[in-house]
Protein backbone atom coordinates (compact mmCIF):
# COMPACT_ATOMS: atom_id res chain seq x y z
CA MET A 1 10.52 14.99 -2.31
CA ALA A 2 10.67 11.20 -2.57
CA THR A 3 8.23 8.49 -3.62
CA TYR A 4 8.02 5.02 -2.07
CA LYS A 5 5.99 1.96 -3.04
CA LEU A 6 5.14 -0.09 0.06
CA PRO A 7 3.26 -3.41 0.20
CA LEU A 8 -0.03 -3.37 2.09
CA MET A 9 -0.79 -6.54 4.03
CA GLY A 10 -4.09 -7.25 5.76
CA ASP A 11 -7.38 -5.41 5.77
CA PRO A 12 -6.93 -1.90 4.29
CA ASP A 13 -9.75 -0.40 6.40
CA LEU A 14 -8.26 -1.76 9.61
CA LYS A 15 -4.77 -0.56 8.64
CA LEU A 16 -6.14 2.92 7.96
CA MET A 17 -7.78 3.11 11.39
CA GLN A 18 -4.59 1.91 13.09
CA LEU A 19 -2.42 4.30 11.08
CA LYS A 20 -4.64 7.29 11.90
CA LYS A 21 -4.48 6.42 15.59
CA ALA A 22 -0.69 5.96 15.57
CA ALA A 23 -0.21 9.22 13.65
CA LYS A 24 -2.43 11.15 16.08
CA GLU A 25 -0.45 9.79 19.04
CA ARG A 26 2.68 11.21 17.38
CA GLY A 27 1.17 14.62 16.63
CA VAL A 28 0.61 14.02 12.92
CA ASP A 29 -2.72 14.69 11.19
CA PHE A 30 -3.64 11.84 8.86
CA ARG A 31 -6.57 12.60 6.56
CA GLY A 32 -8.09 10.50 3.83
CA THR A 33 -9.60 7.21 2.81
CA VAL A 34 -8.12 3.78 2.10
CA ASP A 35 -7.52 4.96 -1.48
CA LYS A 36 -5.85 8.35 -1.00
CA GLY A 37 -5.08 11.08 1.49
CA ASP A 38 -2.42 13.24 3.08
CA PHE A 39 -0.55 13.67 6.33
CA SER A 40 1.20 16.55 8.07
CA GLY A 41 2.50 17.57 11.44
CA ARG A 42 5.67 17.89 13.48
CA GLY A 43 7.69 18.80 10.40
CA LEU A 44 6.40 15.88 8.31
CA LYS A 45 4.30 16.40 5.20
CA GLY A 46 3.21 14.14 2.37
CA TYR A 47 0.43 12.21 0.75
CA TYR A 48 -0.44 8.67 -0.31
CA ARG A 49 -2.56 6.66 -2.70
CA ARG A 50 -3.39 2.99 -2.98
CA GLU A 51 -2.57 1.02 -6.11
CA GLY A 52 -3.88 -2.52 -5.78
CA GLY A 53 -1.97 -4.19 -2.95
CA ASP A 54 0.53 -1.36 -2.60
CA ILE A 55 0.56 2.09 -1.02
CA ILE A 56 2.42 4.82 -2.87
CA VAL A 57 3.77 7.32 -0.33
CA ILE A 58 5.13 10.69 -1.42
CA ILE A 59 7.09 12.47 1.29
CA ILE A 60 7.36 16.19 0.66
CA LYS A 61 9.00 17.31 3.89
CA THR A 62 10.60 15.59 6.88
CA PRO A 63 11.65 17.03 10.23
CA PHE A 64 15.35 17.77 10.41
CA PHE A 65 15.81 15.44 13.40
CA ILE A 66 14.34 12.28 11.78
CA SER A 67 15.72 10.76 8.61
CA GLU A 68 13.44 9.98 5.72
CA SER A 69 14.68 6.38 5.74
CA ALA A 70 13.60 6.01 9.39
CA ILE A 71 10.08 7.22 8.53
CA VAL A 72 9.83 4.85 5.56
CA SER A 73 11.14 1.95 7.65
CA GLN A 74 8.43 2.53 10.27
CA LEU A 75 5.75 2.73 7.58
CA LYS A 76 6.97 -0.52 5.99
CA ASP A 77 6.89 -2.30 9.33
CA PHE A 78 3.43 -0.99 10.10
CA LEU A 79 1.88 -1.82 6.71
CA SER A 80 3.39 -5.28 6.37
CA VAL A 81 2.13 -6.75 9.65
């Protein structure tokens, strides 16, 4: 289990909609609000919460074929645009 603090740029509601769509396209269920929620699917499991302008992501489980750093890198890229 690992915890990451990622900056959130832009409109949180819009980011949430985009993130849910991107997760669904990748076979991951993304449930929650702009303030907190969880995600799971395809060997990935975790949850998140918003703290001001940051998103705290807690990754509980990752698929054996994708590194945790690759997942976090994609999240950083997505949230900072």
